[in-house]
Structure formats: C-alpha cells, structure tokens
Amino acid sequence: MSDTLFLAARFRVLADAEPGLLPRLLMPFAKRDLTPDLMTSRREGDCLRVEFTLTAMPAEMVHLVEGNLAQVVGVRRLEVEEGAFRRAA
C-alpha cells in the first residue's frame, strides 16, 4: 500500500526574457513526470514572470523542482508556496 503525501504547490519565477526560457523552466517538471495544472507567463520589460501551479504534487519532489528551477540560467527570483497536504493510498 502506497502512503505518499501530495500537496498543492505554486512556483513563481522572475527571469530574464530570452528565447528558450520557457522550455528550460518546464524541464524540471518533465523529468519527474509532472504536468503543471496551470502555467502563466507575462513579459514585463526585460523580464518574464512565470507561474506554475500543481494541485497534487508528491511532497518529496517540491524541493527538488525548486532547486532545479533556481539553477536555470536567467532566473532572478523564485518563490514557492505549498498548500494543504493530502495522503493518497
């Protein structure tokens, strides 16, 4: 019986607006077989503000994705919010 904790997570990224940024930001999710439920991006001058929302993400992966996003070239700021925990059987 699996006893995995899932939680809602939101990742907010402010990065340099440059070609290839969005695929680089999606890679940490893809390599863990995670698909964001919502992704928004908005250009603000020379920056791009991107937000990823996942409603059910394995808790142990949040810090891994956070670390990978922080290492993406061009990322200026990263904020992470975690929501309520749920236990899946």
PDB file of N, CA and C in Angstrom:
ATOM      1  N   MET A   1       0.851  -1.186   0.000  1.00  0.00           N
ATOM      2  CA  MET A   1       0.000   0.000   0.000  1.00  0.00           C
ATOM      3  C   MET A   1       0.890   1.241   0.000  1.00  0.00           C
ATOM      4  N   SER A   2       0.663   2.135  -0.944  1.00  0.00           N
ATOM      5  CA  SER A   2       1.428   3.374  -1.045  1.00  0.00           C
ATOM      6  C   SER A   2       0.914   4.367  -0.011  1.00  0.00           C
ATOM      7  N   ASP A   3       1.825   5.108   0.565  1.00  0.00           N
ATOM      8  CA  ASP A   3       1.467   6.099   1.572  1.00  0.00           C
ATOM      9  C   ASP A   3       2.156   7.419   1.217  1.00  0.00           C
ATOM     10  N   THR A   4       1.887   7.929   0.025  1.00  0.00           N
ATOM     11  CA  THR A   4       2.552   9.115  -0.489  1.00  0.00           C
ATOM     12  C   THR A   4       1.788  10.377  -0.111  1.00  0.00           C
ATOM     13  N   LEU A   5       2.531  11.384   0.342  1.00  0.00           N
ATOM     14  CA  LEU A   5       1.932  12.688   0.630  1.00  0.00           C
ATOM     15  C   LEU A   5       1.908  13.529  -0.633  1.00  0.00           C
ATOM     16  N   PHE A   6       0.768  14.115  -0.921  1.00  0.00           N
ATOM     17  CA  PHE A   6       0.615  15.027  -2.052  1.00  0.00           C
ATOM     18  C   PHE A   6       0.208  16.389  -1.513  1.00  0.00           C
ATOM     19  N   LEU A   7       0.628  17.431  -2.207  1.00  0.00           N
ATOM     20  CA  LEU A   7       0.230  18.765  -1.808  1.00  0.00           C
ATOM     21  C   LEU A   7       0.117  19.663  -3.020  1.00  0.00           C
ATOM     22  N   ALA A   8      -0.560  20.764  -2.827  1.00  0.00           N
ATOM     23  CA  ALA A   8      -0.647  21.778  -3.875  1.00  0.00           C
ATOM     24  C   ALA A   8       0.606  22.641  -3.786  1.00  0.00           C
ATOM     25  N   ALA A   9       1.153  22.996  -4.938  1.00  0.00           N
ATOM     26  CA  ALA A   9       2.361  23.825  -4.956  1.00  0.00           C
ATOM     27  C   ALA A   9       2.265  24.865  -6.058  1.00  0.00           C
ATOM     28  N   ARG A  10       2.818  26.027  -5.755  1.00  0.00           N
ATOM     29  CA  ARG A  10       2.868  27.110  -6.740  1.00  0.00           C
ATOM     30  C   ARG A  10       4.305  27.624  -6.789  1.00  0.00           C
ATOM     31  N   PHE A  11       4.842  27.712  -7.998  1.00  0.00           N
ATOM     32  CA  PHE A  11       6.199  28.196  -8.217  1.00  0.00           C
ATOM     33  C   PHE A  11       6.101  29.494  -9.010  1.00  0.00           C
ATOM     34  N   ARG A  12       6.634  30.574  -8.457  1.00  0.00           N
ATOM     35  CA  ARG A  12       6.638  31.873  -9.140  1.00  0.00           C
ATOM     36  C   ARG A  12       8.075  32.217  -9.499  1.00  0.00           C
ATOM     37  N   VAL A  13       8.302  32.492 -10.771  1.00  0.00           N
ATOM     38  CA  VAL A  13       9.653  32.742 -11.273  1.00  0.00           C
ATOM     39  C   VAL A  13       9.699  34.107 -11.942  1.00  0.00           C
ATOM     40  N   LEU A  14      10.742  34.868 -11.652  1.00  0.00           N
ATOM     41  CA  LEU A  14      11.042  36.093 -12.377  1.00  0.00           C
ATOM     42  C   LEU A  14      12.389  35.851 -13.035  1.00  0.00           C
ATOM     43  N   ALA A  15      12.429  35.978 -14.357  1.00  0.00           N
ATOM     44  CA  ALA A  15      13.657  35.646 -15.087  1.00  0.00           C
ATOM     45  C   ALA A  15      13.842  36.598 -16.259  1.00  0.00           C
ATOM     46  N   ASP A  16      15.061  36.578 -16.797  1.00  0.00           N
ATOM     47  CA  ASP A  16      15.354  37.359 -17.992  1.00  0.00           C
ATOM     48  C   ASP A  16      14.497  36.842 -19.149  1.00  0.00           C
ATOM     49  N   ALA A  17      13.864  37.756 -19.873  1.00  0.00           N
ATOM     50  CA  ALA A  17      13.057  37.376 -21.034  1.00  0.00           C
ATOM     51  C   ALA A  17      13.997  37.070 -22.189  1.00  0.00           C
ATOM     52  N   GLU A  18      14.172  35.795 -22.472  1.00  0.00           N
ATOM     53  CA  GLU A  18      15.074  35.391 -23.543  1.00  0.00           C
ATOM     54  C   GLU A  18      14.540  34.129 -24.213  1.00  0.00           C
ATOM     55  N   PRO A  19      14.905  33.924 -25.479  1.00  0.00           N
ATOM     56  CA  PRO A  19      14.448  32.732 -26.190  1.00  0.00           C
ATOM     57  C   PRO A  19      14.909  31.468 -25.454  1.00  0.00           C
ATOM     58  N   GLY A  20      14.036  30.498 -25.397  1.00  0.00           N
ATOM     59  CA  GLY A  20      14.378  29.224 -24.785  1.00  0.00           C
ATOM     60  C   GLY A  20      14.129  29.149 -23.293  1.00  0.00           C
ATOM     61  N   LEU A  21      13.706  30.241 -22.656  1.00  0.00           N
ATOM     62  CA  LEU A  21      13.492  30.226 -21.217  1.00  0.00           C
ATOM     63  C   LEU A  21      12.362  29.280 -20.818  1.00  0.00           C
ATOM     64  N   LEU A  22      11.210  29.369 -21.469  1.00  0.00           N
ATOM     65  CA  LEU A  22      10.063  28.563 -21.048  1.00  0.00           C
ATOM     66  C   LEU A  22      10.334  27.065 -21.104  1.00  0.00           C
ATOM     67  N   PRO A  23      10.936  26.531 -22.175  1.00  0.00           N
ATOM     68  CA  PRO A  23      11.248  25.090 -22.158  1.00  0.00           C
ATOM     69  C   PRO A  23      12.225  24.713 -21.037  1.00  0.00           C
ATOM     70  N   ARG A  24      13.180  25.597 -20.726  1.00  0.00           N
ATOM     71  CA  ARG A  24      14.123  25.309 -19.640  1.00  0.00           C
ATOM     72  C   ARG A  24      13.406  25.281 -18.289  1.00  0.00           C
ATOM     73  N   LEU A  25      12.391  26.132 -18.124  1.00  0.00           N
ATOM     74  CA  LEU A  25      11.636  26.142 -16.874  1.00  0.00           C
ATOM     75  C   LEU A  25      10.715  24.924 -16.756  1.00  0.00           C
ATOM     76  N   LEU A  26      10.248  24.395 -17.870  1.00  0.00           N
ATOM     77  CA  LEU A  26       9.384  23.215 -17.840  1.00  0.00           C
ATOM     78  C   LEU A  26      10.154  21.915 -17.601  1.00  0.00           C
ATOM     79  N   MET A  27      11.441  21.899 -17.902  1.00  0.00           N
ATOM     80  CA  MET A  27      12.236  20.675 -17.810  1.00  0.00           C
ATOM     81  C   MET A  27      12.231  20.031 -16.424  1.00  0.00           C
ATOM     82  N   PRO A  28      12.360  20.771 -15.314  1.00  0.00           N
ATOM     83  CA  PRO A  28      12.344  20.106 -14.005  1.00  0.00           C
ATOM     84  C   PRO A  28      11.049  19.336 -13.737  1.00  0.00           C
ATOM     85  N   PHE A  29       9.940  19.805 -14.286  1.00  0.00           N
ATOM     86  CA  PHE A  29       8.672  19.087 -14.131  1.00  0.00           C
ATOM     87  C   PHE A  29       8.662  17.850 -15.034  1.00  0.00           C
ATOM     88  N   ALA A  30       9.055  18.033 -16.278  1.00  0.00           N
ATOM     89  CA  ALA A  30       9.012  16.944 -17.254  1.00  0.00           C
ATOM     90  C   ALA A  30       9.889  15.772 -16.844  1.00  0.00           C
ATOM     91  N   LYS A  31      11.081  16.032 -16.330  1.00  0.00           N
ATOM     92  CA  LYS A  31      11.971  14.930 -15.990  1.00  0.00           C
ATOM     93  C   LYS A  31      11.513  14.163 -14.749  1.00  0.00           C
ATOM     94  N   ARG A  32      10.510  14.700 -14.043  1.00  0.00           N
ATOM     95  CA  ARG A  32       9.908  13.989 -12.910  1.00  0.00           C
ATOM     96  C   ARG A  32       8.490  13.518 -13.228  1.00  0.00           C
ATOM     97  N   ASP A  33       8.139  13.576 -14.516  1.00  0.00           N
ATOM     98  CA  ASP A  33       6.826  13.130 -14.997  1.00  0.00           C
ATOM     99  C   ASP A  33       5.685  13.905 -14.335  1.00  0.00           C
ATOM    100  N   LEU A  34       5.892  15.207 -14.145  1.00  0.00           N
ATOM    101  CA  LEU A  34       4.884  16.090 -13.564  1.00  0.00           C
ATOM    102  C   LEU A  34       4.380  17.045 -14.634  1.00  0.00           C
ATOM    103  N   THR A  35       3.081  17.241 -14.670  1.00  0.00           N
ATOM    104  CA  THR A  35       2.488  18.194 -15.599  1.00  0.00           C
ATOM    105  C   THR A  35       1.782  19.277 -14.795  1.00  0.00           C
ATOM    106  N   PRO A  36       2.236  20.526 -14.886  1.00  0.00           N
ATOM    107  CA  PRO A  36       1.547  21.599 -14.160  1.00  0.00           C
ATOM    108  C   PRO A  36       0.087  21.698 -14.600  1.00  0.00           C
ATOM    109  N   ASP A  37      -0.785  21.989 -13.640  1.00  0.00           N
ATOM    110  CA  ASP A  37      -2.197  22.177 -13.940  1.00  0.00           C
ATOM    111  C   ASP A  37      -2.441  23.528 -14.595  1.00  0.00           C
ATOM    112  N   LEU A  38      -1.576  24.479 -14.276  1.00  0.00           N
ATOM    113  CA  LEU A  38      -1.709  25.822 -14.840  1.00  0.00           C
ATOM    114  C   LEU A  38      -0.319  26.427 -14.976  1.00  0.00           C
ATOM    115  N   MET A  39      -0.092  27.075 -16.104  1.00  0.00           N
ATOM    116  CA  MET A  39       1.148  27.816 -16.317  1.00  0.00           C
ATOM    117  C   MET A  39       0.780  29.139 -16.959  1.00  0.00           C
ATOM    118  N   THR A  40       1.265  30.220 -16.385  1.00  0.00           N
ATOM    119  CA  THR A  40       1.049  31.539 -16.970  1.00  0.00           C
ATOM    120  C   THR A  40       2.392  32.233 -17.121  1.00  0.00           C
ATOM    121  N   SER A  41       2.498  33.046 -18.149  1.00  0.00           N
ATOM    122  CA  SER A  41       3.715  33.843 -18.324  1.00  0.00           C
ATOM    123  C   SER A  41       3.317  35.225 -18.826  1.00  0.00           C
ATOM    124  N   ARG A  42       4.104  36.206 -18.387  1.00  0.00           N
ATOM    125  CA  ARG A  42       3.818  37.588 -18.760  1.00  0.00           C
ATOM    126  C   ARG A  42       5.148  38.321 -18.861  1.00  0.00           C
ATOM    127  N   ARG A  43       5.331  38.997 -19.968  1.00  0.00           N
ATOM    128  CA  ARG A  43       6.551  39.776 -20.145  1.00  0.00           C
ATOM    129  C   ARG A  43       6.384  41.125 -19.464  1.00  0.00           C
ATOM    130  N   GLU A  44       7.431  41.536 -18.755  1.00  0.00           N
ATOM    131  CA  GLU A  44       7.449  42.827 -18.077  1.00  0.00           C
ATOM    132  C   GLU A  44       8.793  43.485 -18.391  1.00  0.00           C
ATOM    133  N   GLY A  45       8.853  44.202 -19.489  1.00  0.00           N
ATOM    134  CA  GLY A  45      10.106  44.834 -19.917  1.00  0.00           C
ATOM    135  C   GLY A  45      11.114  43.783 -20.326  1.00  0.00           C
ATOM    136  N   ASP A  46      12.256  43.756 -19.657  1.00  0.00           N
ATOM    137  CA  ASP A  46      13.291  42.778 -19.990  1.00  0.00           C
ATOM    138  C   ASP A  46      13.184  41.505 -19.150  1.00  0.00           C
ATOM    139  N   CYS A  47      12.075  41.373 -18.400  1.00  0.00           N
ATOM    140  CA  CYS A  47      11.854  40.187 -17.554  1.00  0.00           C
ATOM    141  C   CYS A  47      10.608  39.430 -17.993  1.00  0.00           C
ATOM    142  N   LEU A  48      10.555  38.187 -17.594  1.00  0.00           N
ATOM    143  CA  LEU A  48       9.395  37.339 -17.820  1.00  0.00           C
ATOM    144  C   LEU A  48       8.961  36.801 -16.468  1.00  0.00           C
ATOM    145  N   ARG A  49       7.700  36.979 -16.140  1.00  0.00           N
ATOM    146  CA  ARG A  49       7.142  36.463 -14.888  1.00  0.00           C
ATOM    147  C   ARG A  49       6.350  35.208 -15.245  1.00  0.00           C
ATOM    148  N   VAL A  50       6.734  34.081 -14.651  1.00  0.00           N
ATOM    149  CA  VAL A  50       6.118  32.791 -14.965  1.00  0.00           C
ATOM    150  C   VAL A  50       5.628  32.155 -13.676  1.00  0.00           C
ATOM    151  N   GLU A  51       4.434  31.561 -13.729  1.00  0.00           N
ATOM    152  CA  GLU A  51       3.870  30.886 -12.569  1.00  0.00           C
ATOM    153  C   GLU A  51       3.397  29.501 -12.973  1.00  0.00           C
ATOM    154  N   PHE A  52       3.774  28.509 -12.166  1.00  0.00           N
ATOM    155  CA  PHE A  52       3.339  27.127 -12.366  1.00  0.00           C
ATOM    156  C   PHE A  52       2.528  26.716 -11.146  1.00  0.00           C
ATOM    157  N   THR A  53       1.380  26.087 -11.367  1.00  0.00           N
ATOM    158  CA  THR A  53       0.543  25.593 -10.278  1.00  0.00           C
ATOM    159  C   THR A  53       0.291  24.110 -10.478  1.00  0.00           C
ATOM    160  N   LEU A  54       0.491  23.340  -9.415  1.00  0.00           N
ATOM    161  CA  LEU A  54       0.192  21.914  -9.409  1.00  0.00           C
ATOM    162  C   LEU A  54      -0.731  21.654  -8.224  1.00  0.00           C
ATOM    163  N   THR A  55      -1.839  20.976  -8.452  1.00  0.00           N
ATOM    164  CA  THR A  55      -2.798  20.742  -7.374  1.00  0.00           C
ATOM    165  C   THR A  55      -2.494  19.482  -6.581  1.00  0.00           C
ATOM    166  N   ALA A  56      -1.737  18.560  -7.144  1.00  0.00           N
ATOM    167  CA  ALA A  56      -1.386  17.324  -6.437  1.00  0.00           C
ATOM    168  C   ALA A  56       0.023  16.915  -6.846  1.00  0.00           C
ATOM    169  N   MET A  57       0.981  17.353  -6.056  1.00  0.00           N
ATOM    170  CA  MET A  57       2.389  17.081  -6.343  1.00  0.00           C
ATOM    171  C   MET A  57       2.972  16.272  -5.191  1.00  0.00           C
ATOM    172  N   PRO A  58       3.720  15.201  -5.487  1.00  0.00           N
ATOM    173  CA  PRO A  58       4.354  14.460  -4.393  1.00  0.00           C
ATOM    174  C   PRO A  58       5.226  15.404  -3.562  1.00  0.00           C
ATOM    175  N   ALA A  59       5.020  15.381  -2.264  1.00  0.00           N
ATOM    176  CA  ALA A  59       5.687  16.321  -1.367  1.00  0.00           C
ATOM    177  C   ALA A  59       7.204  16.266  -1.479  1.00  0.00           C
ATOM    178  N   GLU A  60       7.757  15.082  -1.673  1.00  0.00           N
ATOM    179  CA  GLU A  60       9.217  14.960  -1.712  1.00  0.00           C
ATOM    180  C   GLU A  60       9.823  15.583  -2.969  1.00  0.00           C
ATOM    181  N   MET A  61       9.001  15.913  -3.952  1.00  0.00           N
ATOM    182  CA  MET A  61       9.524  16.490  -5.194  1.00  0.00           C
ATOM    183  C   MET A  61       9.553  18.012  -5.191  1.00  0.00           C
ATOM    184  N   VAL A  62       8.865  18.644  -4.255  1.00  0.00           N
ATOM    185  CA  VAL A  62       8.788  20.103  -4.242  1.00  0.00           C
ATOM    186  C   VAL A  62      10.181  20.721  -4.145  1.00  0.00           C
ATOM    187  N   HIS A  63      10.976  20.279  -3.194  1.00  0.00           N
ATOM    188  CA  HIS A  63      12.310  20.881  -3.023  1.00  0.00           C
ATOM    189  C   HIS A  63      13.237  20.539  -4.189  1.00  0.00           C
ATOM    190  N   LEU A  64      13.026  19.382  -4.837  1.00  0.00           N
ATOM    191  CA  LEU A  64      13.846  19.023  -5.997  1.00  0.00           C
ATOM    192  C   LEU A  64      13.563  19.950  -7.175  1.00  0.00           C
ATOM    193  N   VAL A  65      12.274  20.176  -7.442  1.00  0.00           N
ATOM    194  CA  VAL A  65      11.888  21.073  -8.535  1.00  0.00           C
ATOM    195  C   VAL A  65      12.335  22.489  -8.209  1.00  0.00           C
ATOM    196  N   GLU A  66      12.177  22.904  -6.973  1.00  0.00           N
ATOM    197  CA  GLU A  66      12.609  24.244  -6.564  1.00  0.00           C
ATOM    198  C   GLU A  66      14.099  24.438  -6.828  1.00  0.00           C
ATOM    199  N   GLY A  67      14.902  23.470  -6.452  1.00  0.00           N
ATOM    200  CA  GLY A  67      16.338  23.557  -6.672  1.00  0.00           C
ATOM    201  C   GLY A  67      16.707  23.630  -8.137  1.00  0.00           C
ATOM    202  N   ASN A  68      16.025  22.830  -8.962  1.00  0.00           N
ATOM    203  CA  ASN A  68      16.299  22.849 -10.402  1.00  0.00           C
ATOM    204  C   ASN A  68      15.891  24.172 -11.033  1.00  0.00           C
ATOM    205  N   LEU A  69      14.729  24.703 -10.637  1.00  0.00           N
ATOM    206  CA  LEU A  69      14.276  25.982 -11.188  1.00  0.00           C
ATOM    207  C   LEU A  69      15.245  27.105 -10.816  1.00  0.00           C
ATOM    208  N   ALA A  70      15.750  27.082  -9.603  1.00  0.00           N
ATOM    209  CA  ALA A  70      16.673  28.122  -9.154  1.00  0.00           C
ATOM    210  C   ALA A  70      17.975  28.109  -9.952  1.00  0.00           C
ATOM    211  N   GLN A  71      18.330  26.961 -10.527  1.00  0.00           N
ATOM    212  CA  GLN A  71      19.576  26.840 -11.279  1.00  0.00           C
ATOM    213  C   GLN A  71      19.429  27.171 -12.763  1.00  0.00           C
ATOM    214  N   VAL A  72      18.213  27.414 -13.224  1.00  0.00           N
ATOM    215  CA  VAL A  72      18.010  27.743 -14.636  1.00  0.00           C
ATOM    216  C   VAL A  72      18.665  29.087 -14.927  1.00  0.00           C
ATOM    217  N   VAL A  73      19.444  29.129 -15.992  1.00  0.00           N
ATOM    218  CA  VAL A  73      20.134  30.354 -16.386  1.00  0.00           C
ATOM    219  C   VAL A  73      19.110  31.455 -16.661  1.00  0.00           C
ATOM    220  N   GLY A  74      19.297  32.610 -16.054  1.00  0.00           N
ATOM    221  CA  GLY A  74      18.421  33.750 -16.257  1.00  0.00           C
ATOM    222  C   GLY A  74      17.420  33.974 -15.145  1.00  0.00           C
ATOM    223  N   VAL A  75      17.245  32.998 -14.240  1.00  0.00           N
ATOM    224  CA  VAL A  75      16.285  33.161 -13.146  1.00  0.00           C
ATOM    225  C   VAL A  75      16.828  34.184 -12.154  1.00  0.00           C
ATOM    226  N   ARG A  76      16.016  35.192 -11.888  1.00  0.00           N
ATOM    227  CA  ARG A  76      16.394  36.250 -10.943  1.00  0.00           C
ATOM    228  C   ARG A  76      15.810  36.005  -9.556  1.00  0.00           C
ATOM    229  N   ARG A  77      14.578  35.488  -9.531  1.00  0.00           N
ATOM    230  CA  ARG A  77      13.904  35.260  -8.247  1.00  0.00           C
ATOM    231  C   ARG A  77      12.966  34.079  -8.382  1.00  0.00           C
ATOM    232  N   LEU A  78      12.855  33.307  -7.307  1.00  0.00           N
ATOM    233  CA  LEU A  78      11.960  32.145  -7.268  1.00  0.00           C
ATOM    234  C   LEU A  78      11.248  32.136  -5.935  1.00  0.00           C
ATOM    235  N   GLU A  79       9.930  32.009  -5.977  1.00  0.00           N
ATOM    236  CA  GLU A  79       9.119  31.886  -4.763  1.00  0.00           C
ATOM    237  C   GLU A  79       8.313  30.602  -4.872  1.00  0.00           C
ATOM    238  N   VAL A  80       8.194  29.882  -3.757  1.00  0.00           N
ATOM    239  CA  VAL A  80       7.442  28.633  -3.742  1.00  0.00           C
ATOM    240  C   VAL A  80       6.421  28.689  -2.621  1.00  0.00           C
ATOM    241  N   GLU A  81       5.181  28.312  -2.942  1.00  0.00           N
ATOM    242  CA  GLU A  81       4.116  28.188  -1.947  1.00  0.00           C
ATOM    243  C   GLU A  81       3.660  26.747  -1.934  1.00  0.00           C
ATOM    244  N   GLU A  82       3.472  26.205  -0.743  1.00  0.00           N
ATOM    245  CA  GLU A  82       2.958  24.847  -0.601  1.00  0.00           C
ATOM    246  C   GLU A  82       1.602  24.913   0.069  1.00  0.00           C
ATOM    247  N   GLY A  83       0.658  24.099  -0.420  1.00  0.00           N
ATOM    248  CA  GLY A  83      -0.688  24.094   0.111  1.00  0.00           C
ATOM    249  C   GLY A  83      -0.917  22.965   1.080  1.00  0.00           C
ATOM    250  N   ALA A  84      -2.165  22.647   1.301  1.00  0.00           N
ATOM    251  CA  ALA A  84      -2.583  21.621   2.258  1.00  0.00           C
ATOM    252  C   ALA A  84      -2.122  20.236   1.809  1.00  0.00           C
ATOM    253  N   PHE A  85      -1.706  19.443   2.771  1.00  0.00           N
ATOM    254  CA  PHE A  85      -1.264  18.089   2.491  1.00  0.00           C
ATOM    255  C   PHE A  85      -2.467  17.151   2.398  1.00  0.00           C
ATOM    256  N   ARG A  86      -2.321  16.179   1.505  1.00  0.00           N
ATOM    257  CA  ARG A  86      -3.305  15.112   1.375  1.00  0.00           C
ATOM    258  C   ARG A  86      -2.547  13.796   1.307  1.00  0.00           C
ATOM    259  N   ARG A  87      -3.099  12.759   1.863  1.00  0.00           N
ATOM    260  CA  ARG A  87      -2.466  11.454   1.847  1.00  0.00           C
ATOM    261  C   ARG A  87      -3.220  10.566   0.860  1.00  0.00           C
ATOM    262  N   ALA A  88      -2.490   9.947  -0.056  1.00  0.00           N
ATOM    263  CA  ALA A  88      -3.118   9.054  -1.040  1.00  0.00           C
ATOM    264  C   ALA A  88      -2.742   7.615  -0.712  1.00  0.00           C
ATOM    265  N   ALA A  89      -3.720   6.751  -0.816  1.00  0.00           N
ATOM    266  CA  ALA A  89      -3.460   5.325  -0.543  1.00  0.00           C
ATOM    267  C   ALA A  89      -3.083   4.607  -1.803  1.00  0.00           C
TER     268      ALA A  89
END
